[in-house]
């Protein structure tokens, strides 16, 4: 823990973050950069989670690849495009999947959700009356 004196009355306490998780949240932890890409045992699972979140059109445009139906097809196309090919022309799926996760973690692939739509039943006059 580190103490930072902001002024004579305010001290900022800087402590390491703690991320609590369950086993079924592993993919979301990876995508929130709470786990290092190098420490992943199976980098394909987070890519599957990414494919469920990021629009396929955006992925095809960013990686300059064709259409794909499965995660393996996507990773194989990324591997060929990026040159992750081993001896005998075999694509390195592990390296390509790790690169996709890195691209997401570094902000190269954007993902966002729309804010919820609230049914605003209160008119402006009613809202002012409630606040008084």
N, C-alpha and C. Protein backbone atom coordinates (compact mmCIF):
# COMPACT_ATOMS: atom_id res chain seq x y z
N UNK A 1 0.85 -1.17 0.00
CA UNK A 1 0.00 0.00 0.00
C UNK A 1 0.90 1.23 0.00
N UNK A 2 0.44 2.28 -0.69
CA UNK A 2 1.20 3.51 -0.81
C UNK A 2 0.33 4.68 -0.37
N UNK A 3 0.90 5.58 0.39
CA UNK A 3 0.19 6.79 0.81
C UNK A 3 0.72 7.97 0.02
N UNK A 4 -0.21 8.75 -0.52
CA UNK A 4 0.16 9.94 -1.30
C UNK A 4 -0.50 11.14 -0.64
N UNK A 5 0.30 12.09 -0.22
CA UNK A 5 -0.20 13.29 0.45
C UNK A 5 -0.63 14.29 -0.63
N UNK A 6 -1.96 14.52 -0.75
CA UNK A 6 -2.47 15.45 -1.75
C UNK A 6 -2.39 16.89 -1.25
N UNK A 7 -2.77 17.12 -0.03
CA UNK A 7 -2.57 18.41 0.64
C UNK A 7 -2.46 18.12 2.12
N UNK A 8 -2.47 19.15 2.95
CA UNK A 8 -2.23 18.89 4.37
C UNK A 8 -3.37 18.13 5.05
N UNK A 9 -4.55 18.10 4.46
CA UNK A 9 -5.69 17.42 5.07
C UNK A 9 -6.10 16.14 4.36
N UNK A 10 -5.61 15.91 3.15
CA UNK A 10 -6.06 14.76 2.35
C UNK A 10 -4.89 13.85 2.02
N UNK A 11 -5.06 12.56 2.37
CA UNK A 11 -4.08 11.54 2.04
C UNK A 11 -4.78 10.49 1.17
N UNK A 12 -4.19 10.19 0.03
CA UNK A 12 -4.73 9.18 -0.88
C UNK A 12 -4.04 7.85 -0.58
N UNK A 13 -4.83 6.81 -0.36
CA UNK A 13 -4.29 5.48 -0.13
C UNK A 13 -4.40 4.68 -1.42
N UNK A 14 -3.28 4.24 -1.93
CA UNK A 14 -3.22 3.46 -3.16
C UNK A 14 -2.90 2.02 -2.78
N UNK A 15 -3.84 1.12 -3.07
CA UNK A 15 -3.63 -0.27 -2.72
C UNK A 15 -3.89 -1.14 -3.94
N UNK A 16 -3.30 -2.33 -3.98
CA UNK A 16 -3.56 -3.22 -5.12
C UNK A 16 -5.02 -3.64 -5.17
N UNK A 17 -5.54 -3.78 -6.38
CA UNK A 17 -6.93 -4.17 -6.55
C UNK A 17 -7.11 -5.66 -6.32
N UNK A 18 -8.28 -6.02 -5.88
CA UNK A 18 -8.64 -7.41 -5.66
C UNK A 18 -9.85 -7.70 -6.53
N UNK A 19 -9.75 -8.75 -7.33
CA UNK A 19 -10.84 -9.15 -8.20
C UNK A 19 -11.35 -10.50 -7.72
N UNK A 20 -12.58 -10.52 -7.23
CA UNK A 20 -13.20 -11.77 -6.79
C UNK A 20 -13.95 -12.38 -7.97
N UNK A 21 -13.86 -13.68 -8.09
CA UNK A 21 -14.47 -14.33 -9.24
C UNK A 21 -14.91 -15.75 -8.91
N UNK A 22 -15.74 -16.26 -9.80
CA UNK A 22 -16.10 -17.67 -9.77
C UNK A 22 -15.57 -18.30 -11.05
N UNK A 23 -15.62 -19.61 -11.15
CA UNK A 23 -15.09 -20.30 -12.32
C UNK A 23 -15.82 -19.94 -13.61
N UNK A 24 -17.12 -19.62 -13.52
CA UNK A 24 -17.88 -19.32 -14.73
C UNK A 24 -17.66 -17.89 -15.21
N UNK A 25 -16.88 -17.09 -14.49
CA UNK A 25 -16.58 -15.72 -14.91
C UNK A 25 -15.18 -15.58 -15.50
N UNK A 26 -14.50 -16.68 -15.75
CA UNK A 26 -13.12 -16.64 -16.21
C UNK A 26 -12.96 -15.84 -17.49
N UNK A 27 -13.84 -16.06 -18.47
CA UNK A 27 -13.72 -15.35 -19.74
C UNK A 27 -13.91 -13.86 -19.58
N UNK A 28 -14.85 -13.44 -18.75
CA UNK A 28 -15.05 -12.01 -18.56
C UNK A 28 -13.87 -11.38 -17.83
N UNK A 29 -13.22 -12.12 -16.95
CA UNK A 29 -12.02 -11.59 -16.28
C UNK A 29 -10.90 -11.37 -17.28
N UNK A 30 -10.75 -12.29 -18.20
CA UNK A 30 -9.72 -12.15 -19.22
C UNK A 30 -9.99 -10.93 -20.07
N UNK A 31 -11.24 -10.73 -20.45
CA UNK A 31 -11.59 -9.60 -21.31
C UNK A 31 -11.57 -8.27 -20.56
N UNK A 32 -11.52 -8.30 -19.24
CA UNK A 32 -11.38 -7.07 -18.44
C UNK A 32 -9.93 -6.82 -18.04
N UNK A 33 -9.01 -7.56 -18.65
CA UNK A 33 -7.58 -7.43 -18.42
C UNK A 33 -7.17 -7.76 -16.99
N UNK A 34 -7.92 -8.59 -16.30
CA UNK A 34 -7.57 -9.01 -14.95
C UNK A 34 -6.63 -10.21 -14.97
N UNK A 35 -6.47 -10.84 -16.13
CA UNK A 35 -5.59 -11.98 -16.29
C UNK A 35 -4.67 -11.69 -17.47
N UNK A 36 -3.41 -12.02 -17.32
CA UNK A 36 -2.45 -11.79 -18.41
C UNK A 36 -2.67 -12.80 -19.53
N UNK A 37 -2.51 -12.35 -20.74
CA UNK A 37 -2.71 -13.21 -21.92
C UNK A 37 -1.70 -14.36 -21.90
N UNK A 38 -0.50 -14.10 -21.44
CA UNK A 38 0.54 -15.13 -21.41
C UNK A 38 0.20 -16.26 -20.44
N UNK A 39 -0.63 -15.99 -19.44
CA UNK A 39 -0.97 -16.99 -18.43
C UNK A 39 -2.17 -17.86 -18.82
N UNK A 40 -2.77 -17.60 -19.96
CA UNK A 40 -3.95 -18.36 -20.38
C UNK A 40 -3.57 -19.79 -20.78
N UNK A 41 -4.33 -20.75 -20.29
CA UNK A 41 -4.12 -22.13 -20.71
C UNK A 41 -4.83 -22.39 -22.04
N UNK A 42 -6.04 -21.84 -22.17
CA UNK A 42 -6.83 -22.04 -23.38
C UNK A 42 -7.28 -20.67 -23.91
N UNK A 43 -6.53 -20.07 -24.84
CA UNK A 43 -6.90 -18.74 -25.34
C UNK A 43 -8.09 -18.74 -26.29
N UNK A 44 -8.58 -19.91 -26.69
CA UNK A 44 -9.70 -19.97 -27.63
C UNK A 44 -11.01 -19.60 -26.93
N UNK A 45 -11.18 -19.98 -25.66
CA UNK A 45 -12.43 -19.68 -24.94
C UNK A 45 -12.73 -18.19 -24.87
N UNK A 46 -11.75 -17.33 -24.53
CA UNK A 46 -12.07 -15.90 -24.53
C UNK A 46 -12.40 -15.37 -25.93
N UNK A 47 -11.81 -15.96 -26.96
CA UNK A 47 -12.13 -15.53 -28.32
C UNK A 47 -13.59 -15.88 -28.63
N UNK A 48 -14.06 -17.03 -28.15
CA UNK A 48 -15.47 -17.38 -28.32
C UNK A 48 -16.36 -16.34 -27.64
N UNK A 49 -15.97 -15.91 -26.45
CA UNK A 49 -16.74 -14.88 -25.74
C UNK A 49 -16.71 -13.57 -26.51
N UNK A 50 -15.58 -13.25 -27.11
CA UNK A 50 -15.47 -12.03 -27.92
C UNK A 50 -16.39 -12.09 -29.13
N UNK A 51 -16.44 -13.24 -29.77
CA UNK A 51 -17.28 -13.37 -30.96
C UNK A 51 -18.75 -13.20 -30.62
N UNK A 52 -19.12 -13.49 -29.38
CA UNK A 52 -20.51 -13.27 -28.96
C UNK A 52 -20.79 -11.81 -28.64
N UNK A 53 -19.75 -11.02 -28.44
CA UNK A 53 -19.93 -9.62 -28.06
C UNK A 53 -19.69 -8.66 -29.22
N UNK A 54 -18.57 -8.80 -29.89
CA UNK A 54 -18.18 -7.87 -30.95
C UNK A 54 -18.88 -8.27 -32.25
N UNK A 55 -19.32 -7.28 -32.99
CA UNK A 55 -20.00 -7.55 -34.26
C UNK A 55 -19.05 -8.18 -35.27
N UNK A 56 -19.54 -9.17 -35.98
CA UNK A 56 -18.71 -9.89 -36.94
C UNK A 56 -18.21 -8.97 -38.04
N UNK A 57 -19.03 -8.00 -38.46
CA UNK A 57 -18.61 -7.08 -39.51
C UNK A 57 -17.38 -6.29 -39.07
N UNK A 58 -17.36 -5.86 -37.83
CA UNK A 58 -16.22 -5.11 -37.30
C UNK A 58 -14.96 -5.98 -37.29
N UNK A 59 -15.11 -7.23 -36.88
CA UNK A 59 -13.96 -8.14 -36.85
C UNK A 59 -13.43 -8.41 -38.26
N UNK A 60 -14.34 -8.61 -39.21
CA UNK A 60 -13.91 -8.87 -40.59
C UNK A 60 -13.20 -7.65 -41.17
N UNK A 61 -13.66 -6.48 -40.84
CA UNK A 61 -13.04 -5.26 -41.34
C UNK A 61 -11.67 -5.03 -40.70
N UNK A 62 -11.58 -5.23 -39.38
CA UNK A 62 -10.32 -4.99 -38.68
C UNK A 62 -9.23 -5.97 -39.13
N UNK A 63 -9.58 -7.26 -39.20
CA UNK A 63 -8.58 -8.27 -39.57
C UNK A 63 -8.48 -8.49 -41.07
N UNK A 64 -9.37 -7.85 -41.83
CA UNK A 64 -9.40 -7.98 -43.29
C UNK A 64 -9.52 -9.44 -43.71
N UNK A 65 -10.55 -10.08 -43.16
CA UNK A 65 -10.80 -11.48 -43.45
C UNK A 65 -12.21 -11.63 -44.03
N UNK A 66 -12.50 -12.83 -44.50
CA UNK A 66 -13.82 -13.11 -45.04
C UNK A 66 -14.80 -13.55 -43.95
N UNK A 67 -15.97 -13.96 -44.40
CA UNK A 67 -16.99 -14.38 -43.45
C UNK A 67 -16.56 -15.68 -42.77
N UNK A 68 -17.09 -15.88 -41.58
CA UNK A 68 -16.78 -17.08 -40.81
C UNK A 68 -18.01 -17.49 -40.04
N UNK A 69 -18.10 -18.79 -39.76
CA UNK A 69 -19.26 -19.31 -39.03
C UNK A 69 -18.89 -19.80 -37.64
N UNK A 70 -17.65 -20.24 -37.47
CA UNK A 70 -17.24 -20.78 -36.18
C UNK A 70 -16.01 -20.04 -35.66
N UNK A 71 -15.72 -20.26 -34.40
CA UNK A 71 -14.54 -19.65 -33.78
C UNK A 71 -13.27 -20.17 -34.44
N UNK A 72 -13.21 -21.45 -34.73
CA UNK A 72 -12.02 -22.02 -35.36
C UNK A 72 -11.77 -21.42 -36.75
N UNK A 73 -12.84 -21.21 -37.52
CA UNK A 73 -12.68 -20.58 -38.83
C UNK A 73 -12.14 -19.16 -38.68
N UNK A 74 -12.67 -18.43 -37.70
CA UNK A 74 -12.21 -17.06 -37.47
C UNK A 74 -10.72 -17.03 -37.10
N UNK A 75 -10.34 -17.86 -36.14
CA UNK A 75 -8.95 -17.87 -35.69
C UNK A 75 -8.02 -18.32 -36.81
N UNK A 76 -8.45 -19.31 -37.60
CA UNK A 76 -7.63 -19.78 -38.71
C UNK A 76 -7.41 -18.68 -39.74
N UNK A 77 -8.44 -17.90 -40.04
CA UNK A 77 -8.28 -16.80 -41.00
C UNK A 77 -7.36 -15.72 -40.45
N UNK A 78 -7.50 -15.40 -39.16
CA UNK A 78 -6.61 -14.41 -38.54
C UNK A 78 -5.17 -14.90 -38.57
N UNK A 79 -4.96 -16.19 -38.28
CA UNK A 79 -3.61 -16.76 -38.29
C UNK A 79 -2.98 -16.67 -39.67
N UNK A 80 -3.74 -16.98 -40.70
CA UNK A 80 -3.21 -16.89 -42.07
C UNK A 80 -2.90 -15.44 -42.43
N UNK A 81 -3.80 -14.54 -42.07
CA UNK A 81 -3.63 -13.13 -42.42
C UNK A 81 -2.42 -12.52 -41.71
N UNK A 82 -2.22 -12.90 -40.44
CA UNK A 82 -1.12 -12.35 -39.65
C UNK A 82 0.20 -13.12 -39.84
N UNK A 83 0.15 -14.23 -40.56
CA UNK A 83 1.37 -15.00 -40.81
C UNK A 83 1.76 -15.94 -39.69
N UNK A 84 0.79 -16.36 -38.89
CA UNK A 84 1.07 -17.31 -37.81
C UNK A 84 0.95 -18.73 -38.36
N UNK A 85 1.88 -19.08 -39.24
CA UNK A 85 1.86 -20.38 -39.89
C UNK A 85 3.15 -21.11 -39.57
N UNK A 86 3.01 -22.34 -39.09
CA UNK A 86 4.17 -23.14 -38.74
C UNK A 86 4.66 -23.96 -39.93
N UNK A 87 5.54 -24.90 -39.63
CA UNK A 87 6.07 -25.74 -40.68
C UNK A 87 4.97 -26.62 -41.26
N UNK A 88 5.03 -26.83 -42.53
CA UNK A 88 4.02 -27.64 -43.20
C UNK A 88 2.75 -26.88 -43.50
N UNK A 89 2.74 -25.56 -43.29
CA UNK A 89 1.56 -24.75 -43.59
C UNK A 89 0.47 -24.86 -42.55
N UNK A 90 0.79 -25.37 -41.36
CA UNK A 90 -0.20 -25.51 -40.29
C UNK A 90 -0.30 -24.20 -39.53
N UNK A 91 -1.53 -23.70 -39.38
CA UNK A 91 -1.72 -22.42 -38.70
C UNK A 91 -1.55 -22.60 -37.19
N UNK A 92 -0.99 -21.59 -36.56
CA UNK A 92 -0.79 -21.59 -35.12
C UNK A 92 -2.01 -20.94 -34.47
N UNK A 93 -2.99 -21.77 -34.14
CA UNK A 93 -4.25 -21.28 -33.58
C UNK A 93 -4.05 -20.62 -32.22
N UNK A 94 -3.14 -21.15 -31.42
CA UNK A 94 -2.87 -20.62 -30.09
C UNK A 94 -2.36 -19.18 -30.18
N UNK A 95 -1.38 -18.97 -31.03
CA UNK A 95 -0.79 -17.64 -31.17
C UNK A 95 -1.80 -16.64 -31.74
N UNK A 96 -2.59 -17.05 -32.70
CA UNK A 96 -3.60 -16.17 -33.28
C UNK A 96 -4.68 -15.81 -32.27
N UNK A 97 -5.12 -16.79 -31.47
CA UNK A 97 -6.14 -16.52 -30.46
C UNK A 97 -5.62 -15.55 -29.41
N UNK A 98 -4.38 -15.72 -28.99
CA UNK A 98 -3.77 -14.79 -28.03
C UNK A 98 -3.68 -13.38 -28.61
N UNK A 99 -3.39 -13.28 -29.89
CA UNK A 99 -3.30 -11.96 -30.52
C UNK A 99 -4.67 -11.28 -30.57
N UNK A 100 -5.71 -12.04 -30.83
CA UNK A 100 -7.06 -11.47 -30.85
C UNK A 100 -7.42 -10.94 -29.47
N UNK A 101 -7.11 -11.71 -28.43
CA UNK A 101 -7.40 -11.25 -27.07
C UNK A 101 -6.59 -10.00 -26.75
N UNK A 102 -5.31 -9.97 -27.15
CA UNK A 102 -4.48 -8.77 -26.94
C UNK A 102 -5.06 -7.56 -27.66
N UNK A 103 -5.51 -7.75 -28.89
CA UNK A 103 -6.10 -6.65 -29.65
C UNK A 103 -7.30 -6.08 -28.92
N UNK A 104 -8.12 -6.95 -28.34
CA UNK A 104 -9.29 -6.48 -27.60
C UNK A 104 -8.86 -5.74 -26.34
N UNK A 105 -7.90 -6.31 -25.62
CA UNK A 105 -7.45 -5.70 -24.36
C UNK A 105 -6.79 -4.34 -24.58
N UNK A 106 -6.16 -4.14 -25.73
CA UNK A 106 -5.48 -2.89 -26.02
C UNK A 106 -6.39 -1.88 -26.72
N UNK A 107 -7.67 -2.22 -26.86
CA UNK A 107 -8.63 -1.27 -27.40
C UNK A 107 -8.70 -1.20 -28.91
N UNK A 108 -8.08 -2.12 -29.60
CA UNK A 108 -8.13 -2.11 -31.06
C UNK A 108 -9.48 -2.60 -31.57
N UNK A 109 -10.14 -3.45 -30.78
CA UNK A 109 -11.48 -3.92 -31.11
C UNK A 109 -12.43 -3.27 -30.11
N UNK A 110 -13.34 -2.49 -30.61
CA UNK A 110 -14.23 -1.80 -29.67
C UNK A 110 -15.48 -2.63 -29.42
N UNK A 111 -15.93 -2.54 -28.20
CA UNK A 111 -17.15 -3.22 -27.79
C UNK A 111 -17.89 -2.28 -26.85
N UNK A 112 -19.14 -2.11 -27.10
CA UNK A 112 -19.95 -1.28 -26.21
C UNK A 112 -21.38 -1.80 -26.23
N UNK A 113 -22.10 -1.45 -25.20
CA UNK A 113 -23.51 -1.80 -25.14
C UNK A 113 -24.31 -0.52 -25.08
N UNK A 114 -25.51 -0.59 -25.56
CA UNK A 114 -26.39 0.57 -25.51
C UNK A 114 -26.91 0.74 -24.08
N UNK A 115 -27.05 1.96 -23.61
CA UNK A 115 -27.63 2.15 -22.27
C UNK A 115 -29.09 1.72 -22.27
N UNK A 116 -29.57 1.32 -21.12
CA UNK A 116 -30.97 0.87 -21.06
C UNK A 116 -31.92 2.02 -21.35
N UNK A 117 -33.04 1.70 -21.93
CA UNK A 117 -34.07 2.70 -22.23
C UNK A 117 -35.07 2.69 -21.10
N UNK A 118 -35.25 3.85 -20.47
CA UNK A 118 -36.20 3.96 -19.38
C UNK A 118 -37.47 4.60 -19.90
N UNK A 119 -38.58 4.08 -19.45
CA UNK A 119 -39.87 4.62 -19.81
C UNK A 119 -40.14 5.77 -18.86
N UNK A 120 -39.92 6.98 -19.31
CA UNK A 120 -40.05 8.17 -18.47
C UNK A 120 -41.51 8.58 -18.41
N UNK A 121 -42.20 8.15 -17.36
CA UNK A 121 -43.62 8.41 -17.20
C UNK A 121 -43.87 9.73 -16.47
N UNK A 122 -42.85 10.30 -15.90
CA UNK A 122 -43.01 11.53 -15.12
C UNK A 122 -42.85 12.72 -16.05
N UNK A 123 -43.82 13.61 -16.07
CA UNK A 123 -43.69 14.81 -16.89
C UNK A 123 -42.85 15.83 -16.14
N UNK A 124 -42.40 16.87 -16.82
CA UNK A 124 -41.53 17.88 -16.22
C UNK A 124 -42.19 18.56 -15.02
N UNK A 125 -43.48 18.85 -15.10
CA UNK A 125 -44.17 19.52 -14.01
C UNK A 125 -44.24 18.65 -12.76
N UNK A 126 -44.48 17.35 -12.94
CA UNK A 126 -44.54 16.42 -11.81
C UNK A 126 -43.18 16.27 -11.14
N UNK A 127 -42.11 16.27 -11.95
CA UNK A 127 -40.78 16.11 -11.42
C UNK A 127 -40.40 17.31 -10.55
N UNK A 128 -40.76 18.53 -10.96
CA UNK A 128 -40.45 19.70 -10.17
C UNK A 128 -41.22 19.68 -8.86
N UNK A 129 -42.44 19.18 -8.87
CA UNK A 129 -43.25 19.12 -7.66
C UNK A 129 -42.65 18.14 -6.66
N UNK A 130 -42.10 17.03 -7.17
CA UNK A 130 -41.50 16.04 -6.28
C UNK A 130 -40.23 16.57 -5.61
N UNK A 131 -39.50 17.41 -6.29
CA UNK A 131 -38.22 17.90 -5.78
C UNK A 131 -38.41 18.96 -4.71
N UNK A 132 -39.55 19.60 -4.62
CA UNK A 132 -39.73 20.68 -3.67
C UNK A 132 -40.07 20.21 -2.30
